[in-house]
């Protein structure tokens, strides 16, 4: 992983800059979570399932702002390792339900201190005001309203 990337290296493309930032932060969180055996994406999925208690692939993908295919790919090792169970959704037999297993709950709990430390280090390195501004910007970027307006503007040729 590159140690020092200048701000200009992101270029003028907002998408490229965001992807670079996302890869860098994911790498750092993966390092922090390594003792738990989880990647940041896997932990995020376990935490979201825990909050939802039970979900379908579709509702979880929507909550994670992922496509169902990408989520299914990321779920495979979690299912294989017995952290997540899948089954037929009793409310809609066409959908697969997803639940945390006891092992998944334990793994999530095991990773909590590591994740808390990563969060604290991130906030210390970036600074409280910058973290608040970042969270505000991210909230806007992942909102349906922003996506809808962006999509409309792009398809209208604005």
N, C-alpha and C. Protein backbone atom coordinates (compact mmCIF):
# COMPACT_ATOMS: atom_id res chain seq x y z
N UNK A 1 0.86 -1.18 0.00
CA UNK A 1 0.00 0.00 0.00
C UNK A 1 0.90 1.22 0.00
N UNK A 2 0.58 2.16 -0.88
CA UNK A 2 1.35 3.40 -1.00
C UNK A 2 1.31 4.17 0.31
N UNK A 3 2.47 4.62 0.77
CA UNK A 3 2.56 5.27 2.08
C UNK A 3 2.11 6.72 2.05
N UNK A 4 2.42 7.45 0.96
CA UNK A 4 2.08 8.87 0.93
C UNK A 4 1.59 9.24 -0.46
N UNK A 5 0.29 9.38 -0.61
CA UNK A 5 -0.28 9.77 -1.88
C UNK A 5 -0.65 11.25 -1.80
N UNK A 6 -0.12 12.02 -2.74
CA UNK A 6 -0.43 13.45 -2.72
C UNK A 6 -1.89 13.67 -3.10
N UNK A 7 -2.49 14.75 -2.61
CA UNK A 7 -3.89 15.04 -2.94
C UNK A 7 -4.10 15.15 -4.45
N UNK A 8 -3.08 15.64 -5.18
CA UNK A 8 -3.20 15.78 -6.63
C UNK A 8 -3.24 14.44 -7.34
N UNK A 9 -2.77 13.38 -6.69
CA UNK A 9 -2.73 12.08 -7.35
C UNK A 9 -4.13 11.53 -7.59
N UNK A 10 -5.13 12.07 -6.89
CA UNK A 10 -6.50 11.62 -7.11
C UNK A 10 -7.05 12.18 -8.41
N UNK A 11 -6.42 13.22 -8.96
CA UNK A 11 -6.89 13.81 -10.20
C UNK A 11 -8.15 14.62 -9.97
N UNK A 12 -8.83 14.90 -11.04
CA UNK A 12 -10.02 15.73 -10.96
C UNK A 12 -11.29 14.89 -10.89
N UNK A 13 -11.19 13.61 -10.95
CA UNK A 13 -12.38 12.74 -10.94
C UNK A 13 -12.80 12.45 -9.50
N UNK A 14 -13.99 12.91 -9.14
CA UNK A 14 -14.50 12.70 -7.78
C UNK A 14 -14.68 11.22 -7.49
N UNK A 15 -15.13 10.48 -8.48
CA UNK A 15 -15.33 9.04 -8.30
C UNK A 15 -14.00 8.35 -7.98
N UNK A 16 -12.96 8.68 -8.75
CA UNK A 16 -11.65 8.07 -8.52
C UNK A 16 -11.11 8.44 -7.14
N UNK A 17 -11.27 9.69 -6.75
CA UNK A 17 -10.78 10.13 -5.44
C UNK A 17 -11.51 9.39 -4.32
N UNK A 18 -12.83 9.24 -4.44
CA UNK A 18 -13.60 8.52 -3.43
C UNK A 18 -13.21 7.05 -3.38
N UNK A 19 -13.00 6.44 -4.54
CA UNK A 19 -12.58 5.03 -4.57
C UNK A 19 -11.21 4.85 -3.92
N UNK A 20 -10.29 5.76 -4.20
CA UNK A 20 -8.96 5.68 -3.58
C UNK A 20 -9.07 5.80 -2.06
N UNK A 21 -9.86 6.77 -1.61
CA UNK A 21 -10.04 6.95 -0.17
C UNK A 21 -10.67 5.71 0.44
N UNK A 22 -11.67 5.16 -0.22
CA UNK A 22 -12.35 3.97 0.28
C UNK A 22 -11.39 2.78 0.37
N UNK A 23 -10.58 2.60 -0.67
CA UNK A 23 -9.61 1.48 -0.63
C UNK A 23 -8.59 1.67 0.49
N UNK A 24 -8.12 2.90 0.69
CA UNK A 24 -7.13 3.17 1.73
C UNK A 24 -7.72 2.90 3.12
N UNK A 25 -8.91 3.42 3.38
CA UNK A 25 -9.53 3.25 4.69
C UNK A 25 -9.89 1.78 4.91
N UNK A 26 -10.38 1.12 3.87
CA UNK A 26 -10.70 -0.32 3.98
C UNK A 26 -9.44 -1.11 4.34
N UNK A 27 -8.34 -0.79 3.70
CA UNK A 27 -7.07 -1.46 3.98
C UNK A 27 -6.67 -1.25 5.45
N UNK A 28 -6.79 -0.01 5.94
CA UNK A 28 -6.40 0.28 7.32
C UNK A 28 -7.32 -0.42 8.32
N UNK A 29 -8.63 -0.43 8.03
CA UNK A 29 -9.56 -1.13 8.92
C UNK A 29 -9.34 -2.64 8.85
N UNK A 30 -9.01 -3.16 7.67
CA UNK A 30 -8.69 -4.59 7.56
C UNK A 30 -7.49 -4.93 8.43
N UNK A 31 -6.48 -4.06 8.44
CA UNK A 31 -5.31 -4.26 9.31
C UNK A 31 -5.73 -4.28 10.77
N UNK A 32 -6.57 -3.33 11.15
CA UNK A 32 -7.00 -3.24 12.55
C UNK A 32 -7.82 -4.46 12.96
N UNK A 33 -8.62 -4.98 12.05
CA UNK A 33 -9.50 -6.12 12.35
C UNK A 33 -8.83 -7.48 12.14
N UNK A 34 -7.64 -7.50 11.56
CA UNK A 34 -6.97 -8.77 11.22
C UNK A 34 -6.94 -9.79 12.36
N UNK A 35 -6.69 -9.40 13.62
CA UNK A 35 -6.67 -10.41 14.68
C UNK A 35 -8.01 -11.16 14.84
N UNK A 36 -9.10 -10.55 14.40
CA UNK A 36 -10.41 -11.22 14.52
C UNK A 36 -10.67 -12.18 13.36
N UNK A 37 -9.87 -12.08 12.30
CA UNK A 37 -10.09 -12.91 11.13
C UNK A 37 -11.15 -12.35 10.19
N UNK A 38 -11.66 -11.16 10.47
CA UNK A 38 -12.67 -10.53 9.63
C UNK A 38 -12.07 -9.39 8.82
N UNK A 39 -12.61 -9.19 7.64
CA UNK A 39 -12.33 -7.99 6.84
C UNK A 39 -13.36 -6.95 7.25
N UNK A 40 -13.09 -5.70 6.96
CA UNK A 40 -14.01 -4.62 7.32
C UNK A 40 -15.39 -4.83 6.69
N UNK A 41 -15.41 -5.28 5.44
CA UNK A 41 -16.71 -5.50 4.78
C UNK A 41 -17.49 -6.62 5.47
N UNK A 42 -16.80 -7.66 5.88
CA UNK A 42 -17.46 -8.78 6.56
C UNK A 42 -18.01 -8.33 7.91
N UNK A 43 -17.22 -7.56 8.65
CA UNK A 43 -17.70 -7.08 9.94
C UNK A 43 -18.90 -6.17 9.77
N UNK A 44 -18.85 -5.32 8.76
CA UNK A 44 -19.98 -4.42 8.52
C UNK A 44 -21.25 -5.21 8.22
N UNK A 45 -21.12 -6.28 7.47
CA UNK A 45 -22.29 -7.12 7.16
C UNK A 45 -22.81 -7.81 8.42
N UNK A 46 -21.91 -8.36 9.22
CA UNK A 46 -22.34 -9.00 10.47
C UNK A 46 -23.04 -7.99 11.39
N UNK A 47 -22.49 -6.79 11.48
CA UNK A 47 -23.09 -5.76 12.34
C UNK A 47 -24.46 -5.35 11.83
N UNK A 48 -24.61 -5.23 10.50
CA UNK A 48 -25.90 -4.84 9.94
C UNK A 48 -26.94 -5.94 10.15
N UNK A 49 -26.55 -7.20 9.98
CA UNK A 49 -27.47 -8.31 10.23
C UNK A 49 -27.89 -8.31 11.70
N UNK A 50 -26.94 -8.06 12.59
CA UNK A 50 -27.25 -8.03 14.03
C UNK A 50 -28.27 -6.94 14.33
N UNK A 51 -28.11 -5.77 13.70
CA UNK A 51 -29.06 -4.68 13.93
C UNK A 51 -30.43 -5.00 13.35
N UNK A 52 -30.45 -5.66 12.19
CA UNK A 52 -31.72 -6.00 11.55
C UNK A 52 -32.37 -7.23 12.18
N UNK A 53 -31.56 -8.03 12.89
CA UNK A 53 -31.95 -9.30 13.52
C UNK A 53 -32.20 -10.40 12.49
N UNK A 54 -32.92 -10.10 11.45
CA UNK A 54 -33.15 -11.03 10.37
C UNK A 54 -33.37 -10.21 9.11
N UNK A 55 -32.88 -10.68 8.00
CA UNK A 55 -33.00 -9.92 6.76
C UNK A 55 -33.04 -10.87 5.58
N UNK A 56 -33.45 -10.34 4.46
CA UNK A 56 -33.33 -11.08 3.21
C UNK A 56 -32.10 -10.53 2.49
N UNK A 57 -31.65 -11.25 1.47
CA UNK A 57 -30.51 -10.76 0.70
C UNK A 57 -30.84 -9.38 0.13
N UNK A 58 -32.06 -9.21 -0.37
CA UNK A 58 -32.46 -7.93 -0.95
C UNK A 58 -32.46 -6.78 0.04
N UNK A 59 -33.04 -6.99 1.22
CA UNK A 59 -33.09 -5.91 2.20
C UNK A 59 -31.70 -5.60 2.76
N UNK A 60 -30.88 -6.64 2.93
CA UNK A 60 -29.53 -6.40 3.41
C UNK A 60 -28.70 -5.68 2.35
N UNK A 61 -28.82 -6.08 1.09
CA UNK A 61 -28.09 -5.41 0.01
C UNK A 61 -28.48 -3.94 -0.05
N UNK A 62 -29.77 -3.66 0.06
CA UNK A 62 -30.23 -2.27 0.03
C UNK A 62 -29.68 -1.49 1.22
N UNK A 63 -29.70 -2.08 2.40
CA UNK A 63 -29.20 -1.42 3.61
C UNK A 63 -27.69 -1.17 3.52
N UNK A 64 -26.98 -2.06 2.83
CA UNK A 64 -25.53 -1.92 2.70
C UNK A 64 -25.13 -1.11 1.46
N UNK A 65 -26.10 -0.68 0.68
CA UNK A 65 -25.88 0.02 -0.59
C UNK A 65 -24.96 -0.82 -1.48
N UNK A 66 -25.36 -2.07 -1.66
CA UNK A 66 -24.64 -3.04 -2.49
C UNK A 66 -25.64 -3.68 -3.44
N UNK A 67 -25.12 -4.26 -4.52
CA UNK A 67 -26.01 -5.05 -5.36
C UNK A 67 -26.08 -6.46 -4.76
N UNK A 68 -27.18 -7.14 -5.02
CA UNK A 68 -27.41 -8.46 -4.42
C UNK A 68 -26.32 -9.46 -4.81
N UNK A 69 -25.82 -9.38 -6.03
CA UNK A 69 -24.76 -10.29 -6.47
C UNK A 69 -23.47 -10.09 -5.69
N UNK A 70 -23.10 -8.84 -5.49
CA UNK A 70 -21.89 -8.54 -4.70
C UNK A 70 -22.04 -8.97 -3.27
N UNK A 71 -23.22 -8.78 -2.72
CA UNK A 71 -23.48 -9.21 -1.35
C UNK A 71 -23.40 -10.73 -1.25
N UNK A 72 -24.01 -11.42 -2.20
CA UNK A 72 -23.99 -12.89 -2.18
C UNK A 72 -22.54 -13.41 -2.20
N UNK A 73 -21.69 -12.76 -2.99
CA UNK A 73 -20.28 -13.13 -3.06
C UNK A 73 -19.59 -12.92 -1.70
N UNK A 74 -19.88 -11.80 -1.05
CA UNK A 74 -19.26 -11.47 0.24
C UNK A 74 -19.81 -12.37 1.36
N UNK A 75 -21.06 -12.83 1.21
CA UNK A 75 -21.65 -13.69 2.23
C UNK A 75 -21.07 -15.11 2.23
N UNK A 76 -20.60 -15.58 1.08
CA UNK A 76 -20.13 -16.98 0.96
C UNK A 76 -19.16 -17.40 2.06
N UNK A 77 -18.07 -16.64 2.31
CA UNK A 77 -17.15 -17.08 3.37
C UNK A 77 -17.79 -17.01 4.77
N UNK A 78 -18.73 -16.07 4.97
CA UNK A 78 -19.40 -15.97 6.26
C UNK A 78 -20.30 -17.17 6.50
N UNK A 79 -20.95 -17.63 5.45
CA UNK A 79 -21.78 -18.85 5.54
C UNK A 79 -20.88 -20.06 5.73
N UNK A 80 -19.82 -20.14 4.92
CA UNK A 80 -18.88 -21.26 5.00
C UNK A 80 -18.28 -21.40 6.39
N UNK A 81 -17.98 -20.27 7.02
CA UNK A 81 -17.36 -20.28 8.35
C UNK A 81 -18.38 -20.40 9.48
N UNK A 82 -19.66 -20.53 9.12
CA UNK A 82 -20.71 -20.73 10.12
C UNK A 82 -21.08 -19.48 10.91
N UNK A 83 -20.75 -18.29 10.37
CA UNK A 83 -21.06 -17.05 11.07
C UNK A 83 -22.47 -16.54 10.71
N UNK A 84 -22.94 -16.96 9.56
CA UNK A 84 -24.24 -16.54 9.05
C UNK A 84 -24.94 -17.78 8.51
N UNK A 85 -26.25 -17.83 8.71
CA UNK A 85 -27.03 -18.92 8.10
C UNK A 85 -28.01 -18.31 7.12
N UNK A 86 -28.27 -19.04 6.06
CA UNK A 86 -29.25 -18.60 5.08
C UNK A 86 -30.32 -19.67 4.97
N UNK A 87 -31.50 -19.23 4.60
CA UNK A 87 -32.61 -20.15 4.44
C UNK A 87 -33.70 -19.48 3.62
N UNK A 88 -34.77 -20.18 3.44
CA UNK A 88 -35.90 -19.63 2.72
C UNK A 88 -36.66 -18.67 3.63
N UNK A 89 -36.96 -17.50 3.10
CA UNK A 89 -37.70 -16.50 3.86
C UNK A 89 -39.14 -16.99 4.04
N UNK A 90 -39.61 -17.12 5.28
CA UNK A 90 -40.97 -17.63 5.51
C UNK A 90 -42.05 -16.69 4.95
N UNK A 91 -41.73 -15.40 4.81
CA UNK A 91 -42.72 -14.45 4.28
C UNK A 91 -42.76 -14.42 2.76
N UNK A 92 -41.65 -14.82 2.13
CA UNK A 92 -41.58 -14.82 0.67
C UNK A 92 -40.63 -15.93 0.25
N UNK A 93 -41.16 -17.05 -0.13
CA UNK A 93 -40.37 -18.25 -0.42
C UNK A 93 -39.38 -18.05 -1.57
N UNK A 94 -39.52 -16.96 -2.33
CA UNK A 94 -38.58 -16.69 -3.42
C UNK A 94 -37.31 -16.03 -2.89
N UNK A 95 -37.35 -15.51 -1.68
CA UNK A 95 -36.21 -14.79 -1.09
C UNK A 95 -35.47 -15.67 -0.10
N UNK A 96 -34.18 -15.37 0.04
CA UNK A 96 -33.36 -16.05 1.05
C UNK A 96 -33.25 -15.18 2.28
N UNK A 97 -33.48 -15.76 3.45
CA UNK A 97 -33.30 -15.02 4.70
C UNK A 97 -31.87 -15.23 5.19
N UNK A 98 -31.39 -14.25 5.93
CA UNK A 98 -30.03 -14.28 6.46
C UNK A 98 -30.10 -13.98 7.94
N UNK A 99 -29.42 -14.80 8.73
CA UNK A 99 -29.37 -14.59 10.19
C UNK A 99 -27.96 -14.83 10.69
N UNK A 100 -27.64 -14.14 11.78
CA UNK A 100 -26.38 -14.41 12.46
C UNK A 100 -26.52 -15.70 13.26
N UNK A 101 -25.49 -16.52 13.22
CA UNK A 101 -25.46 -17.71 14.07
C UNK A 101 -24.86 -17.30 15.41
N UNK A 102 -24.86 -18.22 16.34
CA UNK A 102 -24.21 -17.96 17.63
C UNK A 102 -22.73 -17.65 17.42
N UNK A 103 -22.10 -18.39 16.50
CA UNK A 103 -20.68 -18.14 16.19
C UNK A 103 -20.51 -16.76 15.57
N UNK A 104 -21.46 -16.32 14.75
CA UNK A 104 -21.41 -14.99 14.15
C UNK A 104 -21.53 -13.90 15.19
N UNK A 105 -22.42 -14.10 16.16
CA UNK A 105 -22.58 -13.13 17.24
C UNK A 105 -21.30 -13.05 18.06
N UNK A 106 -20.69 -14.20 18.32
CA UNK A 106 -19.45 -14.24 19.10
C UNK A 106 -18.31 -13.55 18.33
N UNK A 107 -18.22 -13.80 17.02
CA UNK A 107 -17.17 -13.20 16.20
C UNK A 107 -17.34 -11.68 16.14
N UNK A 108 -18.59 -11.24 16.04
CA UNK A 108 -18.86 -9.81 16.02
C UNK A 108 -18.43 -9.18 17.35
N UNK A 109 -18.78 -9.83 18.44
CA UNK A 109 -18.39 -9.33 19.78
C UNK A 109 -16.86 -9.31 19.91
N UNK A 110 -16.20 -10.35 19.43
CA UNK A 110 -14.74 -10.43 19.48
C UNK A 110 -14.09 -9.27 18.74
N UNK A 111 -14.72 -8.83 17.65
CA UNK A 111 -14.14 -7.77 16.82
C UNK A 111 -14.46 -6.37 17.32
N UNK A 112 -15.34 -6.24 18.30
CA UNK A 112 -15.79 -4.92 18.76
C UNK A 112 -14.65 -4.02 19.25
N UNK A 113 -13.78 -4.54 20.10
CA UNK A 113 -12.70 -3.72 20.64
C UNK A 113 -11.75 -3.29 19.52
N UNK A 114 -11.49 -4.19 18.59
CA UNK A 114 -10.62 -3.84 17.46
C UNK A 114 -11.24 -2.74 16.61
N UNK A 115 -12.55 -2.86 16.36
CA UNK A 115 -13.26 -1.87 15.57
C UNK A 115 -13.31 -0.53 16.31
N UNK A 116 -13.59 -0.59 17.62
CA UNK A 116 -13.61 0.64 18.43
C UNK A 116 -12.26 1.36 18.36
N UNK A 117 -11.19 0.60 18.45
CA UNK A 117 -9.84 1.18 18.37
C UNK A 117 -9.63 1.83 17.02
N UNK A 118 -10.02 1.14 15.94
CA UNK A 118 -9.88 1.70 14.59
C UNK A 118 -10.67 3.00 14.47
N UNK A 119 -11.87 3.03 15.02
CA UNK A 119 -12.71 4.23 14.97
C UNK A 119 -12.03 5.38 15.71
N UNK A 120 -11.51 5.08 16.90
CA UNK A 120 -10.85 6.12 17.71
C UNK A 120 -9.60 6.66 17.01
N UNK A 121 -8.81 5.77 16.43
CA UNK A 121 -7.60 6.20 15.73
C UNK A 121 -7.97 7.05 14.50
N UNK A 122 -8.98 6.61 13.77
CA UNK A 122 -9.45 7.36 12.60
C UNK A 122 -9.84 8.77 13.02
N UNK A 123 -10.66 8.88 14.07
CA UNK A 123 -11.13 10.17 14.53
C UNK A 123 -9.98 11.05 15.04
N UNK A 124 -9.02 10.43 15.71
CA UNK A 124 -7.87 11.20 16.21
C UNK A 124 -7.03 11.71 15.04
N UNK A 125 -6.80 10.85 14.04
CA UNK A 125 -5.97 11.24 12.90
C UNK A 125 -6.65 12.32 12.05
N UNK A 126 -7.97 12.22 11.86
CA UNK A 126 -8.69 13.15 11.00
C UNK A 126 -9.15 14.40 11.74
N UNK A 127 -9.47 14.24 13.01
CA UNK A 127 -9.98 15.35 13.81
C UNK A 127 -11.51 15.34 13.84
N UNK A 128 -12.05 15.72 14.98
CA UNK A 128 -13.50 15.64 15.21
C UNK A 128 -14.30 16.43 14.17
N UNK A 129 -13.88 17.67 13.90
CA UNK A 129 -14.63 18.50 12.94
C UNK A 129 -14.61 17.89 11.54
N UNK A 130 -13.46 17.38 11.13
CA UNK A 130 -13.34 16.76 9.81
C UNK A 130 -14.19 15.48 9.74
N UNK A 131 -14.23 14.73 10.82
CA UNK A 131 -15.05 13.51 10.86
C UNK A 131 -16.52 13.87 10.72
N UNK A 132 -16.95 14.92 11.43
CA UNK A 132 -18.34 15.35 11.32
C UNK A 132 -18.67 15.81 9.91
N UNK A 133 -17.77 16.57 9.30
CA UNK A 133 -17.98 17.03 7.92
C UNK A 133 -18.00 15.84 6.96
N UNK A 134 -17.10 14.90 7.18
CA UNK A 134 -17.05 13.70 6.33
C UNK A 134 -18.35 12.90 6.45
N UNK A 135 -18.81 12.70 7.67
CA UNK A 135 -20.05 11.95 7.88
C UNK A 135 -21.24 12.66 7.24
N UNK A 136 -21.24 13.96 7.30
CA UNK A 136 -22.32 14.72 6.65
C UNK A 136 -22.27 14.52 5.14
N UNK A 137 -21.09 14.62 4.55
CA UNK A 137 -20.94 14.44 3.11
C UNK A 137 -21.31 13.02 2.69
N UNK A 138 -20.86 12.05 3.46
CA UNK A 138 -21.17 10.65 3.14
C UNK A 138 -22.67 10.41 3.23
N UNK A 139 -23.31 10.96 4.25
CA UNK A 139 -24.76 10.83 4.39
C UNK A 139 -25.48 11.34 3.16
N UNK A 140 -25.04 12.48 2.65
CA UNK A 140 -25.64 13.04 1.45
C UNK A 140 -25.38 12.13 0.24
N UNK A 141 -24.12 11.70 0.08
CA UNK A 141 -23.75 10.90 -1.09
C UNK A 141 -24.49 9.57 -1.17
N UNK A 142 -24.79 8.96 -0.02
CA UNK A 142 -25.46 7.66 -0.07
C UNK A 142 -26.98 7.79 0.01
N UNK A 143 -27.48 9.02 0.08
CA UNK A 143 -28.93 9.20 0.17
C UNK A 143 -29.60 8.93 -1.18
N UNK A 144 -30.83 8.48 -1.11
CA UNK A 144 -31.61 8.25 -2.33
C UNK A 144 -31.80 9.55 -3.09
N UNK A 145 -32.02 10.65 -2.35
CA UNK A 145 -32.24 11.94 -3.00
C UNK A 145 -31.08 12.35 -3.88
N UNK A 146 -29.85 12.21 -3.38
CA UNK A 146 -28.67 12.57 -4.17
C UNK A 146 -28.58 11.66 -5.39
N UNK A 147 -28.74 10.37 -5.17
CA UNK A 147 -28.65 9.42 -6.28
C UNK A 147 -29.70 9.69 -7.35
N UNK A 148 -30.92 9.95 -6.92
CA UNK A 148 -32.00 10.22 -7.88
C UNK A 148 -31.71 11.49 -8.69
N UNK A 149 -31.27 12.56 -8.00
CA UNK A 149 -30.98 13.82 -8.69
C UNK A 149 -29.80 13.67 -9.64
N UNK A 150 -28.76 12.95 -9.19
CA UNK A 150 -27.58 12.73 -10.03
C UNK A 150 -27.97 11.96 -11.28
N UNK A 151 -28.70 10.86 -11.06
CA UNK A 151 -29.14 10.02 -12.18
C UNK A 151 -29.98 10.81 -13.18
N UNK A 152 -30.92 11.61 -12.68
CA UNK A 152 -31.77 12.43 -13.55
C UNK A 152 -30.94 13.42 -14.35
N UNK A 153 -29.99 14.08 -13.67
CA UNK A 153 -29.16 15.07 -14.34
C UNK A 153 -28.28 14.43 -15.42
N UNK A 154 -27.73 13.27 -15.13
CA UNK A 154 -26.86 12.59 -16.08
C UNK A 154 -27.66 12.12 -17.30
N UNK A 155 -28.83 11.55 -17.06
CA UNK A 155 -29.62 11.05 -18.19
C UNK A 155 -30.23 12.19 -19.00
N UNK A 156 -30.41 13.36 -18.37
CA UNK A 156 -30.93 14.53 -19.08
C UNK A 156 -29.82 15.27 -19.82
N UNK A 157 -28.57 14.86 -19.57
CA UNK A 157 -27.43 15.47 -20.26
C UNK A 157 -27.00 16.81 -19.68
N UNK A 158 -27.30 17.05 -18.42
CA UNK A 158 -26.92 18.33 -17.76
C UNK A 158 -25.44 18.39 -17.49
